[in-house]
Amino acid sequence: MKYLSFILLTLFCLNCTCQNPNQEFTVLFYNVENLFDTSNDPATEDDEFTPGSQLNWNQEKYEKKINDLAHVISLVNPSELPEIVGLAEVENDKVLNDLVMNDRLRAGNYSVIHFESPDERGIDVALIYRPDEFIAEESKPIPVIFPFDSSETTRDILYVKGKTKNKETFYFFVNHWKSRSEGVQETEARRIYTAITLRKEIDLIINKEPDAKIIVMGDLNDEPTNRSVHEMLMANNKRKNANSRELYNLMYDLHNTGNAGSYFYRGTWNMLDNLIISQSLLKDKSGYHTDYEGGKIFRQDWMLYSDEKYKESVPNRTYGGPQYYGGISDHFPIYVTLKWNLN
């Protein structure tokens, strides 16, 4: 009888483990659109985001933006707060600490990884993570140097290596590539060389660990089918015959639908935000994995603005030129929720 009770108790515990929300691991990326504090940093061009500037950025607007961003992040996975959040367009450690200490995110006890980059405006990428689910072991900024203009500065790529609670090693790369503001073709070479820089780092990992679990996230300012992403980074949507060095872009097929995107510009949806994974995360082995449709765009009605000109509901941005709209961001966040396979 005691032996039978032990078996039943074991089966019950195994069932609880399977149902445990920790068997999910959510990775989110969000371009938060100019998350600046209100203080002037003399080392960067942040003057417009200070009180008394043309934008009249102030503490009330700043606190509203922090609260709205935390609200979005907290809603992505109904079961729990995301384990990993990559961020773009953050000014400094202060705004990151204010974000993770917001009441909506405080329970995650998030740790912050951020390095100041040489970006002239002072906007960087960063990663926040829940230390109860992921322990960072290595992190560094990866500088991007353009061989045709070594004097031009751009945002670093953020590299983070660590282990999940289930002892799996993950490699994360957080990106924000050169914008298209000076023209798509005029700026393409800069994104291509950024992709080459990133690809070299990925190859260094795969050469040593062919089944490495790698996640590339970011606002690449190029779409999945553009040369920088598809060719140089070797990120595609192959479902058959992909080799171990090819990456899979979880946003590729959504982009191909033509009516979905993370960013809306002059009547067209763009998939500038990309979530790219190594082949090992698609294999149905033990550990965390996802399927080909695992990439998602997070959007809810309260995050939207009705664009009367184009008859579309689009991301409600904080500013449009000097006009304050009071929205959250001009980008939607993208995410994947990995599932734990006990096989």
C-alpha atoms as a PDB file:
ATOM      1  CA  MET A   1       0.000   0.000   0.000  1.00  0.00           C
ATOM      2  CA  LYS A   2       2.846   2.373   0.851  1.00  0.00           C
ATOM      3  CA  TYR A   3       4.534   1.521  -2.460  1.00  0.00           C
ATOM      4  CA  LEU A   4       1.316   2.307  -4.367  1.00  0.00           C
ATOM      5  CA  SER A   5       0.954   5.606  -2.517  1.00  0.00           C
ATOM      6  CA  PHE A   6       4.512   6.508  -3.452  1.00  0.00           C
ATOM      7  CA  ILE A   7       3.834   5.811  -7.132  1.00  0.00           C
ATOM      8  CA  LEU A   8       0.654   7.900  -7.077  1.00  0.00           C
ATOM      9  CA  LEU A   9       2.461  10.761  -5.364  1.00  0.00           C
ATOM     10  CA  THR A  10       5.263  10.613  -7.956  1.00  0.00           C
ATOM     11  CA  LEU A  11       2.783  10.689 -10.832  1.00  0.00           C
ATOM     12  CA  PHE A  12       1.002  13.638  -9.234  1.00  0.00           C
ATOM     13  CA  CYS A  13       4.267  15.567  -8.911  1.00  0.00           C
ATOM     14  CA  LEU A  14       5.202  14.844 -12.503  1.00  0.00           C
ATOM     15  CA  ASN A  15       1.808  16.090 -13.623  1.00  0.00           C
ATOM     16  CA  CYS A  16       2.268  19.282 -11.610  1.00  0.00           C
ATOM     17  CA  THR A  17       5.655  19.804 -13.234  1.00  0.00           C
ATOM     18  CA  CYS A  18       4.134  19.482 -16.691  1.00  0.00           C
ATOM     19  CA  GLN A  19       1.519  22.052 -15.852  1.00  0.00           C
ATOM     20  CA  ASN A  20       3.969  24.420 -14.197  1.00  0.00           C
ATOM     21  CA  PRO A  21       4.042  27.771 -16.039  1.00  0.00           C
ATOM     22  CA  ASN A  22       7.837  27.655 -15.721  1.00  0.00           C
ATOM     23  CA  GLN A  23       7.731  25.158 -18.572  1.00  0.00           C
ATOM     24  CA  GLU A  24       7.253  28.226 -20.775  1.00  0.00           C
ATOM     25  CA  PHE A  25      10.042  30.678 -21.533  1.00  0.00           C
ATOM     26  CA  THR A  26       8.981  33.918 -23.188  1.00  0.00           C
ATOM     27  CA  VAL A  27      11.440  36.052 -25.134  1.00  0.00           C
ATOM     28  CA  LEU A  28      10.209  39.525 -26.068  1.00  0.00           C
ATOM     29  CA  PHE A  29      11.713  42.337 -28.100  1.00  0.00           C
ATOM     30  CA  TYR A  30      10.395  45.901 -27.994  1.00  0.00           C
ATOM     31  CA  ASN A  31      11.575  49.117 -29.625  1.00  0.00           C
ATOM     32  CA  VAL A  32      10.238  51.515 -27.008  1.00  0.00           C
ATOM     33  CA  GLU A  33      10.618  54.724 -29.062  1.00  0.00           C
ATOM     34  CA  ASN A  34      12.922  57.228 -27.391  1.00  0.00           C
ATOM     35  CA  LEU A  35      12.818  56.223 -23.755  1.00  0.00           C
ATOM     36  CA  PHE A  36      14.681  59.221 -22.360  1.00  0.00           C
ATOM     37  CA  ASP A  37      14.749  60.574 -18.843  1.00  0.00           C
ATOM     38  CA  THR A  38      14.251  64.322 -18.360  1.00  0.00           C
ATOM     39  CA  SER A  39      17.873  65.212 -17.554  1.00  0.00           C
ATOM     40  CA  ASN A  40      20.251  66.686 -20.103  1.00  0.00           C
ATOM     41  CA  ASP A  41      23.290  64.526 -20.830  1.00  0.00           C
ATOM     42  CA  PRO A  42      26.038  66.823 -22.170  1.00  0.00           C
ATOM     43  CA  ALA A  43      27.733  63.856 -23.887  1.00  0.00           C
ATOM     44  CA  THR A  44      24.772  63.100 -26.189  1.00  0.00           C
ATOM     45  CA  GLU A  45      22.229  64.887 -28.357  1.00  0.00           C
ATOM     46  CA  ASP A  46      19.299  64.442 -25.998  1.00  0.00           C
ATOM     47  CA  ASP A  47      18.332  68.109 -25.601  1.00  0.00           C
ATOM     48  CA  GLU A  48      14.904  67.693 -27.201  1.00  0.00           C
ATOM     49  CA  PHE A  49      13.905  65.279 -24.422  1.00  0.00           C
ATOM     50  CA  THR A  50      14.246  67.819 -21.637  1.00  0.00           C
ATOM     51  CA  PRO A  51      11.795  70.248 -20.041  1.00  0.00           C
ATOM     52  CA  GLY A  52      11.546  73.523 -21.926  1.00  0.00           C
ATOM     53  CA  SER A  53      12.540  71.987 -25.273  1.00  0.00           C
ATOM     54  CA  GLN A  54      10.317  72.009 -28.349  1.00  0.00           C
ATOM     55  CA  LEU A  55       8.942  68.636 -27.277  1.00  0.00           C
ATOM     56  CA  ASN A  56       8.454  69.866 -23.704  1.00  0.00           C
ATOM     57  CA  TRP A  57       9.400  66.457 -22.327  1.00  0.00           C
ATOM     58  CA  ASN A  58       8.716  66.394 -18.601  1.00  0.00           C
ATOM     59  CA  GLN A  59       8.399  64.104 -15.594  1.00  0.00           C
ATOM     60  CA  GLU A  60       4.656  63.540 -16.048  1.00  0.00           C
ATOM     61  CA  LYS A  61       5.093  62.380 -19.651  1.00  0.00           C
ATOM     62  CA  TYR A  62       8.093  60.271 -18.696  1.00  0.00           C
ATOM     63  CA  GLU A  63       6.241  58.469 -15.898  1.00  0.00           C
ATOM     64  CA  LYS A  64       3.262  57.838 -18.160  1.00  0.00           C
ATOM     65  CA  LYS A  65       5.513  56.266 -20.779  1.00  0.00           C
ATOM     66  CA  ILE A  66       7.258  54.067 -18.209  1.00  0.00           C
ATOM     67  CA  ASN A  67       3.907  52.883 -16.855  1.00  0.00           C
ATOM     68  CA  ASP A  68       2.487  52.196 -20.323  1.00  0.00           C
ATOM     69  CA  LEU A  69       5.562  50.238 -21.423  1.00  0.00           C
ATOM     70  CA  ALA A  70       5.476  48.160 -18.242  1.00  0.00           C
ATOM     71  CA  HIS A  71       1.783  47.507 -18.855  1.00  0.00           C
ATOM     72  CA  VAL A  72       2.487  46.154 -22.336  1.00  0.00           C
ATOM     73  CA  ILE A  73       5.337  43.917 -21.186  1.00  0.00           C
ATOM     74  CA  SER A  74       3.263  42.546 -18.311  1.00  0.00           C
ATOM     75  CA  LEU A  75       0.418  41.461 -20.616  1.00  0.00           C
ATOM     76  CA  VAL A  76       2.357  39.535 -23.269  1.00  0.00           C
ATOM     77  CA  ASN A  77       2.186  36.176 -21.465  1.00  0.00           C
ATOM     78  CA  PRO A  78      -0.999  35.840 -19.374  1.00  0.00           C
ATOM     79  CA  SER A  79       0.654  33.140 -17.232  1.00  0.00           C
ATOM     80  CA  GLU A  80       3.725  35.039 -16.079  1.00  0.00           C
ATOM     81  CA  LEU A  81       6.078  37.916 -16.803  1.00  0.00           C
ATOM     82  CA  PRO A  82       8.458  37.366 -19.745  1.00  0.00           C
ATOM     83  CA  GLU A  83      11.754  35.772 -18.830  1.00  0.00           C
ATOM     84  CA  ILE A  84      13.790  37.765 -21.357  1.00  0.00           C
ATOM     85  CA  VAL A  85      13.061  41.245 -22.733  1.00  0.00           C
ATOM     86  CA  GLY A  86      15.289  42.883 -25.321  1.00  0.00           C
ATOM     87  CA  LEU A  87      14.864  46.647 -25.678  1.00  0.00           C
ATOM     88  CA  ALA A  88      15.856  49.300 -28.213  1.00  0.00           C
ATOM     89  CA  GLU A  89      15.947  53.097 -27.912  1.00  0.00           C
ATOM     90  CA  VAL A  90      16.701  53.287 -24.196  1.00  0.00           C
ATOM     91  CA  GLU A  91      18.872  56.135 -22.962  1.00  0.00           C
ATOM     92  CA  ASN A  92      20.618  54.799 -19.871  1.00  0.00           C
ATOM     93  CA  ASP A  93      20.541  52.648 -16.747  1.00  0.00           C
ATOM     94  CA  LYS A  94      18.170  55.044 -15.015  1.00  0.00           C
ATOM     95  CA  VAL A  95      15.301  54.536 -17.454  1.00  0.00           C
ATOM     96  CA  LEU A  96      15.859  50.775 -17.355  1.00  0.00           C
ATOM     97  CA  ASN A  97      15.809  50.683 -13.567  1.00  0.00           C
ATOM     98  CA  ASP A  98      12.689  52.854 -13.476  1.00  0.00           C
ATOM     99  CA  LEU A  99      11.038  50.450 -15.918  1.00  0.00           C
ATOM    100  CA  VAL A 100      11.815  47.240 -14.021  1.00  0.00           C
ATOM    101  CA  MET A 101      10.837  48.831 -10.704  1.00  0.00           C
ATOM    102  CA  ASN A 102       7.405  49.781 -12.006  1.00  0.00           C
ATOM    103  CA  ASP A 103       4.640  48.091 -10.023  1.00  0.00           C
ATOM    104  CA  ARG A 104       3.575  46.028 -13.043  1.00  0.00           C
ATOM    105  CA  LEU A 105       7.043  44.482 -13.432  1.00  0.00           C
ATOM    106  CA  ARG A 106       8.423  44.581  -9.899  1.00  0.00           C
ATOM    107  CA  ALA A 107       7.451  40.944  -9.201  1.00  0.00           C
ATOM    108  CA  GLY A 108       9.836  39.832 -11.954  1.00  0.00           C
ATOM    109  CA  ASN A 109      12.804  41.159  -9.959  1.00  0.00           C
ATOM    110  CA  TYR A 110      14.433  41.884 -13.306  1.00  0.00           C
ATOM    111  CA  SER A 111      18.172  42.318 -13.682  1.00  0.00           C
ATOM    112  CA  VAL A 112      19.470  44.804 -16.258  1.00  0.00           C
ATOM    113  CA  ILE A 113      22.248  44.420 -18.842  1.00  0.00           C
ATOM    114  CA  HIS A 114      23.192  47.611 -20.643  1.00  0.00           C
ATOM    115  CA  PHE A 115      26.319  49.221 -22.065  1.00  0.00           C
ATOM    116  CA  GLU A 116      26.611  52.807 -23.266  1.00  0.00           C
ATOM    117  CA  SER A 117      27.075  52.836 -27.033  1.00  0.00           C
ATOM    118  CA  PRO A 118      28.639  55.532 -29.251  1.00  0.00           C
ATOM    119  CA  ASP A 119      25.249  56.493 -30.706  1.00  0.00           C
ATOM    120  CA  GLU A 120      25.161  60.277 -31.048  1.00  0.00           C
ATOM    121  CA  ARG A 121      21.639  60.583 -29.632  1.00  0.00           C
ATOM    122  CA  GLY A 122      22.491  58.300 -26.737  1.00  0.00           C
ATOM    123  CA  ILE A 123      19.955  55.569 -27.508  1.00  0.00           C
ATOM    124  CA  ASP A 124      21.112  52.023 -26.844  1.00  0.00           C
ATOM    125  CA  VAL A 125      19.916  48.443 -26.735  1.00  0.00           C
ATOM    126  CA  ALA A 126      19.543  46.535 -23.481  1.00  0.00           C
ATOM    127  CA  LEU A 127      18.324  43.268 -22.052  1.00  0.00           C
ATOM    128  CA  ILE A 128      16.364  42.666 -18.863  1.00  0.00           C
ATOM    129  CA  TYR A 129      15.853  39.178 -17.472  1.00  0.00           C
ATOM    130  CA  ARG A 130      14.272  37.330 -14.578  1.00  0.00           C
ATOM    131  CA  PRO A 131      17.109  35.838 -12.505  1.00  0.00           C
ATOM    132  CA  ASP A 132      14.807  33.135 -11.153  1.00  0.00           C
ATOM    133  CA  GLU A 133      14.574  31.733 -14.698  1.00  0.00           C
ATOM    134  CA  PHE A 134      17.834  32.808 -16.366  1.00  0.00           C
ATOM    135  CA  ILE A 135      21.326  33.487 -15.069  1.00  0.00           C
ATOM    136  CA  ALA A 136      23.564  35.665 -17.239  1.00  0.00           C
ATOM    137  CA  GLU A 137      27.138  34.380 -17.397  1.00  0.00           C
ATOM    138  CA  GLU A 138      28.694  36.617 -20.050  1.00  0.00           C
ATOM    139  CA  SER A 139      27.756  39.909 -21.670  1.00  0.00           C
ATOM    140  CA  LYS A 140      29.512  42.427 -23.866  1.00  0.00           C
ATOM    141  CA  PRO A 141      28.876  45.140 -26.446  1.00  0.00           C
ATOM    142  CA  ILE A 142      29.891  44.249 -30.001  1.00  0.00           C
ATOM    143  CA  PRO A 143      31.009  47.395 -31.860  1.00  0.00           C
ATOM    144  CA  VAL A 144      30.082  47.845 -35.506  1.00  0.00           C
ATOM    145  CA  ILE A 145      32.725  49.516 -37.701  1.00  0.00           C
ATOM    146  CA  PHE A 146      31.908  50.553 -41.252  1.00  0.00           C
ATOM    147  CA  PRO A 147      34.999  49.979 -43.467  1.00  0.00           C
ATOM    148  CA  PHE A 148      33.937  52.730 -45.854  1.00  0.00           C
ATOM    149  CA  ASP A 149      33.595  55.283 -43.027  1.00  0.00           C
ATOM    150  CA  SER A 150      35.329  54.371 -39.781  1.00  0.00           C
ATOM    151  CA  SER A 151      34.474  57.765 -38.284  1.00  0.00           C
ATOM    152  CA  GLU A 152      30.720  57.079 -38.286  1.00  0.00           C
ATOM    153  CA  THR A 153      29.362  55.715 -35.035  1.00  0.00           C
ATOM    154  CA  THR A 154      26.371  53.466 -34.579  1.00  0.00           C
ATOM    155  CA  ARG A 155      24.730  51.401 -31.890  1.00  0.00           C
ATOM    156  CA  ASP A 156      26.590  48.358 -30.568  1.00  0.00           C
ATOM    157  CA  ILE A 157      25.100  44.872 -30.699  1.00  0.00           C
ATOM    158  CA  LEU A 158      24.497  43.456 -27.221  1.00  0.00           C
ATOM    159  CA  TYR A 159      25.646  39.874 -26.588  1.00  0.00           C
ATOM    160  CA  VAL A 160      24.449  37.881 -23.574  1.00  0.00           C
ATOM    161  CA  LYS A 161      25.174  34.247 -22.734  1.00  0.00           C
ATOM    162  CA  GLY A 162      23.565  32.414 -19.852  1.00  0.00           C
ATOM    163  CA  LYS A 163      21.718  29.402 -18.525  1.00  0.00           C
ATOM    164  CA  THR A 164      18.036  28.833 -17.997  1.00  0.00           C
ATOM    165  CA  LYS A 165      16.629  27.340 -14.818  1.00  0.00           C
ATOM    166  CA  ASN A 166      16.599  24.027 -16.688  1.00  0.00           C
ATOM    167  CA  LYS A 167      20.388  24.286 -17.273  1.00  0.00           C
ATOM    168  CA  GLU A 168      20.218  25.015 -21.000  1.00  0.00           C
ATOM    169  CA  THR A 169      22.729  27.493 -22.398  1.00  0.00           C
ATOM    170  CA  PHE A 170      21.300  30.318 -24.519  1.00  0.00           C
ATOM    171  CA  TYR A 171      23.024  32.992 -26.583  1.00  0.00           C
ATOM    172  CA  PHE A 172      21.177  36.276 -27.149  1.00  0.00           C
ATOM    173  CA  PHE A 173      22.002  39.132 -29.516  1.00  0.00           C
ATOM    174  CA  VAL A 174      20.024  42.393 -29.177  1.00  0.00           C
ATOM    175  CA  ASN A 175      20.170  44.739 -32.173  1.00  0.00           C
ATOM    176  CA  HIS A 176      19.139  48.150 -33.452  1.00  0.00           C
ATOM    177  CA  TRP A 177      20.581  48.660 -36.910  1.00  0.00           C
ATOM    178  CA  LYS A 178      21.037  51.870 -38.902  1.00  0.00           C
ATOM    179  CA  SER A 179      17.712  53.565 -39.683  1.00  0.00           C
ATOM    180  CA  ARG A 180      16.282  54.204 -43.135  1.00  0.00           C
ATOM    181  CA  SER A 181      15.716  57.892 -42.487  1.00  0.00           C
ATOM    182  CA  GLU A 182      18.309  58.945 -45.082  1.00  0.00           C
ATOM    183  CA  GLY A 183      16.851  56.560 -47.665  1.00  0.00           C
ATOM    184  CA  VAL A 184      16.598  52.768 -47.869  1.00  0.00           C
ATOM    185  CA  GLN A 185      19.205  52.320 -50.597  1.00  0.00           C
ATOM    186  CA  GLU A 186      21.449  55.072 -49.253  1.00  0.00           C
ATOM    187  CA  THR A 187      21.738  53.341 -45.866  1.00  0.00           C
ATOM    188  CA  GLU A 188      21.627  49.696 -46.967  1.00  0.00           C
ATOM    189  CA  ALA A 189      25.400  49.177 -46.871  1.00  0.00           C
ATOM    190  CA  ARG A 190      25.475  50.056 -43.170  1.00  0.00           C
ATOM    191  CA  ARG A 191      22.886  47.407 -42.351  1.00  0.00           C
ATOM    192  CA  ILE A 192      24.703  44.872 -44.508  1.00  0.00           C
ATOM    193  CA  TYR A 193      27.968  45.430 -42.640  1.00  0.00           C
ATOM    194  CA  THR A 194      26.148  45.204 -39.323  1.00  0.00           C
ATOM    195  CA  ALA A 195      24.725  41.863 -40.457  1.00  0.00           C
ATOM    196  CA  ILE A 196      28.219  40.685 -41.420  1.00  0.00           C
ATOM    197  CA  THR A 197      29.531  41.683 -37.982  1.00  0.00           C
ATOM    198  CA  LEU A 198      26.733  39.759 -36.279  1.00  0.00           C
ATOM    199  CA  ARG A 199      27.119  36.727 -38.539  1.00  0.00           C
ATOM    200  CA  LYS A 200      30.800  36.429 -37.628  1.00  0.00           C
ATOM    201  CA  GLU A 201      29.890  36.307 -33.932  1.00  0.00           C
ATOM    202  CA  ILE A 202      27.255  33.642 -34.573  1.00  0.00           C
ATOM    203  CA  ASP A 203      29.704  31.537 -36.587  1.00  0.00           C
ATOM    204  CA  LEU A 204      32.211  31.632 -33.733  1.00  0.00           C
ATOM    205  CA  ILE A 205      29.570  30.036 -31.508  1.00  0.00           C
ATOM    206  CA  ILE A 206      28.344  27.456 -34.030  1.00  0.00           C
ATOM    207  CA  ASN A 207      31.908  26.410 -34.881  1.00  0.00           C
ATOM    208  CA  LYS A 208      32.363  25.314 -31.275  1.00  0.00           C
ATOM    209  CA  GLU A 209      28.787  24.269 -30.544  1.00  0.00           C
ATOM    210  CA  PRO A 210      26.830  23.184 -33.664  1.00  0.00           C
ATOM    211  CA  ASP A 211      23.580  22.753 -31.688  1.00  0.00           C
ATOM    212  CA  ALA A 212      23.854  26.063 -29.838  1.00  0.00           C
ATOM    213  CA  LYS A 213      20.571  27.734 -28.922  1.00  0.00           C
ATOM    214  CA  ILE A 214      20.863  31.231 -30.360  1.00  0.00           C
ATOM    215  CA  ILE A 215      18.253  33.986 -30.455  1.00  0.00           C
ATOM    216  CA  VAL A 216      18.778  37.179 -32.454  1.00  0.00           C
ATOM    217  CA  MET A 217      16.276  39.937 -31.786  1.00  0.00           C
ATOM    218  CA  GLY A 218      15.987  43.550 -32.742  1.00  0.00           C
ATOM    219  CA  ASP A 219      14.836  46.418 -34.861  1.00  0.00           C
ATOM    220  CA  LEU A 220      16.974  45.665 -37.899  1.00  0.00           C
ATOM    221  CA  ASN A 221      15.423  48.463 -39.975  1.00  0.00           C
ATOM    222  CA  ASP A 222      15.279  45.859 -42.722  1.00  0.00           C
ATOM    223  CA  GLU A 223      12.637  43.247 -43.406  1.00  0.00           C
ATOM    224  CA  PRO A 224      13.081  39.451 -43.494  1.00  0.00           C
ATOM    225  CA  THR A 225      13.421  39.409 -47.279  1.00  0.00           C
ATOM    226  CA  ASN A 226      16.019  42.186 -47.462  1.00  0.00           C
ATOM    227  CA  ARG A 227      19.577  41.282 -48.384  1.00  0.00           C
ATOM    228  CA  SER A 228      21.120  42.107 -45.001  1.00  0.00           C
ATOM    229  CA  VAL A 229      18.834  39.692 -43.153  1.00  0.00           C
ATOM    230  CA  HIS A 230      18.130  36.998 -45.725  1.00  0.00           C
ATOM    231  CA  GLU A 231      21.554  36.702 -47.344  1.00  0.00           C
ATOM    232  CA  MET A 232      24.218  38.100 -45.026  1.00  0.00           C
ATOM    233  CA  LEU A 233      22.685  36.865 -41.793  1.00  0.00           C
ATOM    234  CA  MET A 234      21.459  33.663 -43.491  1.00  0.00           C
ATOM    235  CA  ALA A 235      18.052  33.945 -41.823  1.00  0.00           C
ATOM    236  CA  ASN A 236      15.198  32.471 -43.832  1.00  0.00           C
ATOM    237  CA  ASN A 237      11.957  30.501 -43.579  1.00  0.00           C
ATOM    238  CA  LYS A 238      13.097  27.113 -44.850  1.00  0.00           C
ATOM    239  CA  ARG A 239      11.088  24.265 -43.389  1.00  0.00           C
ATOM    240  CA  LYS A 240      13.058  21.559 -45.176  1.00  0.00           C
ATOM    241  CA  ASN A 241      16.700  20.957 -45.992  1.00  0.00           C
ATOM    242  CA  ALA A 242      18.065  23.831 -43.911  1.00  0.00           C
ATOM    243  CA  ASN A 243      21.629  23.277 -42.763  1.00  0.00           C
ATOM    244  CA  SER A 244      22.762  23.851 -39.190  1.00  0.00           C
ATOM    245  CA  ARG A 245      24.298  27.245 -40.021  1.00  0.00           C
ATOM    246  CA  GLU A 246      21.116  28.692 -41.467  1.00  0.00           C
ATOM    247  CA  LEU A 247      18.907  30.618 -39.066  1.00  0.00           C
ATOM    248  CA  TYR A 248      15.128  30.650 -39.017  1.00  0.00           C
ATOM    249  CA  ASN A 249      13.313  34.003 -38.970  1.00  0.00           C
ATOM    250  CA  LEU A 250      10.131  33.612 -36.941  1.00  0.00           C
ATOM    251  CA  MET A 251       8.709  36.801 -38.480  1.00  0.00           C
ATOM    252  CA  TYR A 252       9.353  35.838 -42.133  1.00  0.00           C
ATOM    253  CA  ASP A 253       6.009  34.213 -42.903  1.00  0.00           C
ATOM    254  CA  LEU A 254       4.055  36.937 -41.113  1.00  0.00           C
ATOM    255  CA  HIS A 255       5.882  39.466 -43.270  1.00  0.00           C
ATOM    256  CA  ASN A 256       4.911  37.531 -46.399  1.00  0.00           C
ATOM    257  CA  THR A 257       1.209  37.906 -45.644  1.00  0.00           C
ATOM    258  CA  GLY A 258       1.524  41.584 -46.600  1.00  0.00           C
ATOM    259  CA  ASN A 259      -0.970  42.828 -44.023  1.00  0.00           C
ATOM    260  CA  ALA A 260       1.040  42.301 -40.842  1.00  0.00           C
ATOM    261  CA  GLY A 261       3.961  44.188 -39.437  1.00  0.00           C
ATOM    262  CA  SER A 262       5.559  45.684 -36.343  1.00  0.00           C
ATOM    263  CA  TYR A 263       5.806  49.193 -37.806  1.00  0.00           C
ATOM    264  CA  PHE A 264       3.554  51.279 -40.045  1.00  0.00           C
ATOM    265  CA  TYR A 265       5.012  53.838 -42.444  1.00  0.00           C
ATOM    266  CA  ARG A 266       3.155  55.860 -45.061  1.00  0.00           C
ATOM    267  CA  GLY A 267       0.396  53.370 -45.633  1.00  0.00           C
ATOM    268  CA  THR A 268       2.521  50.235 -45.517  1.00  0.00           C
ATOM    269  CA  TRP A 269       3.135  47.677 -42.797  1.00  0.00           C
ATOM    270  CA  ASN A 270       6.830  46.867 -42.303  1.00  0.00           C
ATOM    271  CA  MET A 271       8.392  43.960 -40.410  1.00  0.00           C
ATOM    272  CA  LEU A 272      11.446  45.861 -39.231  1.00  0.00           C
ATOM    273  CA  ASP A 273      11.493  44.010 -35.922  1.00  0.00           C
ATOM    274  CA  ASN A 274      12.852  40.502 -36.320  1.00  0.00           C
ATOM    275  CA  LEU A 275      13.117  37.436 -34.089  1.00  0.00           C
ATOM    276  CA  ILE A 276      15.596  34.907 -35.445  1.00  0.00           C
ATOM    277  CA  ILE A 277      16.579  31.546 -33.965  1.00  0.00           C
ATOM    278  CA  SER A 278      19.063  28.747 -34.587  1.00  0.00           C
ATOM    279  CA  GLN A 279      17.891  25.425 -36.021  1.00  0.00           C
ATOM    280  CA  SER A 280      18.354  23.698 -32.651  1.00  0.00           C
ATOM    281  CA  LEU A 281      15.357  25.592 -31.249  1.00  0.00           C
ATOM    282  CA  LEU A 282      13.118  24.125 -33.962  1.00  0.00           C
ATOM    283  CA  LYS A 283      14.050  20.523 -33.308  1.00  0.00           C
ATOM    284  CA  ASP A 284      11.614  18.557 -31.202  1.00  0.00           C
ATOM    285  CA  LYS A 285      14.185  17.353 -28.692  1.00  0.00           C
ATOM    286  CA  SER A 286      14.318  17.714 -24.934  1.00  0.00           C
ATOM    287  CA  GLY A 287      14.515  21.259 -23.713  1.00  0.00           C
ATOM    288  CA  TYR A 288      13.064  24.533 -24.936  1.00  0.00           C
ATOM    289  CA  HIS A 289      11.866  24.761 -28.521  1.00  0.00           C
ATOM    290  CA  THR A 290       9.224  26.371 -30.724  1.00  0.00           C
ATOM    291  CA  ASP A 291       7.551  25.677 -34.046  1.00  0.00           C
ATOM    292  CA  TYR A 292       7.655  27.519 -37.361  1.00  0.00           C
ATOM    293  CA  GLU A 293       4.719  29.739 -36.393  1.00  0.00           C
ATOM    294  CA  GLY A 294       6.137  30.653 -32.980  1.00  0.00           C
ATOM    295  CA  GLY A 295       6.805  34.332 -33.735  1.00  0.00           C
ATOM    296  CA  LYS A 296       4.036  36.697 -32.641  1.00  0.00           C
ATOM    297  CA  ILE A 297       3.237  40.394 -32.774  1.00  0.00           C
ATOM    298  CA  PHE A 298       1.655  41.728 -29.597  1.00  0.00           C
ATOM    299  CA  ARG A 299      -1.061  44.308 -30.131  1.00  0.00           C
ATOM    300  CA  GLN A 300      -4.165  45.298 -28.197  1.00  0.00           C
ATOM    301  CA  ASP A 301      -6.781  47.941 -28.896  1.00  0.00           C
ATOM    302  CA  TRP A 302      -5.535  50.297 -26.188  1.00  0.00           C
ATOM    303  CA  MET A 303      -2.103  50.382 -27.895  1.00  0.00           C
ATOM    304  CA  LEU A 304      -3.561  51.610 -31.214  1.00  0.00           C
ATOM    305  CA  TYR A 305      -4.193  54.871 -32.980  1.00  0.00           C
ATOM    306  CA  SER A 306      -6.698  55.210 -35.802  1.00  0.00           C
ATOM    307  CA  ASP A 307      -4.893  56.660 -38.814  1.00  0.00           C
ATOM    308  CA  GLU A 308      -7.652  58.441 -40.722  1.00  0.00           C
ATOM    309  CA  LYS A 309      -5.532  59.028 -43.831  1.00  0.00           C
ATOM    310  CA  TYR A 310      -4.749  55.354 -44.386  1.00  0.00           C
ATOM    311  CA  LYS A 311      -7.787  53.889 -42.603  1.00  0.00           C
ATOM    312  CA  GLU A 312      -5.610  51.704 -40.417  1.00  0.00           C
ATOM    313  CA  SER A 313      -5.205  51.049 -36.690  1.00  0.00           C
ATOM    314  CA  VAL A 314      -1.506  51.548 -36.072  1.00  0.00           C
ATOM    315  CA  PRO A 315       0.882  51.711 -33.089  1.00  0.00           C
ATOM    316  CA  ASN A 316       0.094  54.809 -31.051  1.00  0.00           C
ATOM    317  CA  ARG A 317       3.396  56.633 -30.877  1.00  0.00           C
ATOM    318  CA  THR A 318       4.584  59.032 -28.195  1.00  0.00           C
ATOM    319  CA  TYR A 319       5.472  61.833 -30.616  1.00  0.00           C
ATOM    320  CA  GLY A 320       4.860  62.587 -34.265  1.00  0.00           C
ATOM    321  CA  GLY A 321       7.395  65.300 -35.041  1.00  0.00           C
ATOM    322  CA  PRO A 322       6.898  67.931 -32.317  1.00  0.00           C
ATOM    323  CA  GLN A 323       3.310  66.798 -31.671  1.00  0.00           C
ATOM    324  CA  TYR A 324       2.774  64.871 -28.426  1.00  0.00           C
ATOM    325  CA  TYR A 325       0.308  62.011 -28.926  1.00  0.00           C
ATOM    326  CA  GLY A 326       0.819  60.363 -25.554  1.00  0.00           C
ATOM    327  CA  GLY A 327       1.112  56.896 -27.059  1.00  0.00           C
ATOM    328  CA  ILE A 328       3.409  54.076 -26.014  1.00  0.00           C
ATOM    329  CA  SER A 329       5.679  53.412 -28.986  1.00  0.00           C
ATOM    330  CA  ASP A 330       5.683  53.582 -32.781  1.00  0.00           C
ATOM    331  CA  HIS A 331       6.543  49.856 -32.842  1.00  0.00           C
ATOM    332  CA  PHE A 332       4.656  46.777 -31.689  1.00  0.00           C
ATOM    333  CA  PRO A 333       6.617  44.307 -29.559  1.00  0.00           C
ATOM    334  CA  ILE A 334       7.337  40.859 -30.992  1.00  0.00           C
ATOM    335  CA  TYR A 335       7.808  37.668 -28.997  1.00  0.00           C
ATOM    336  CA  VAL A 336       8.073  33.891 -28.899  1.00  0.00           C
ATOM    337  CA  THR A 337       7.052  31.602 -26.057  1.00  0.00           C
ATOM    338  CA  LEU A 338       9.294  28.557 -26.001  1.00  0.00           C
ATOM    339  CA  LYS A 339       7.868  25.280 -24.698  1.00  0.00           C
ATOM    340  CA  TRP A 340       9.705  22.780 -22.515  1.00  0.00           C
ATOM    341  CA  ASN A 341       9.814  19.270 -23.918  1.00  0.00           C
ATOM    342  CA  LEU A 342      10.374  16.539 -21.304  1.00  0.00           C
ATOM    343  CA  ASN A 343      11.302  13.832 -23.850  1.00  0.00           C
END
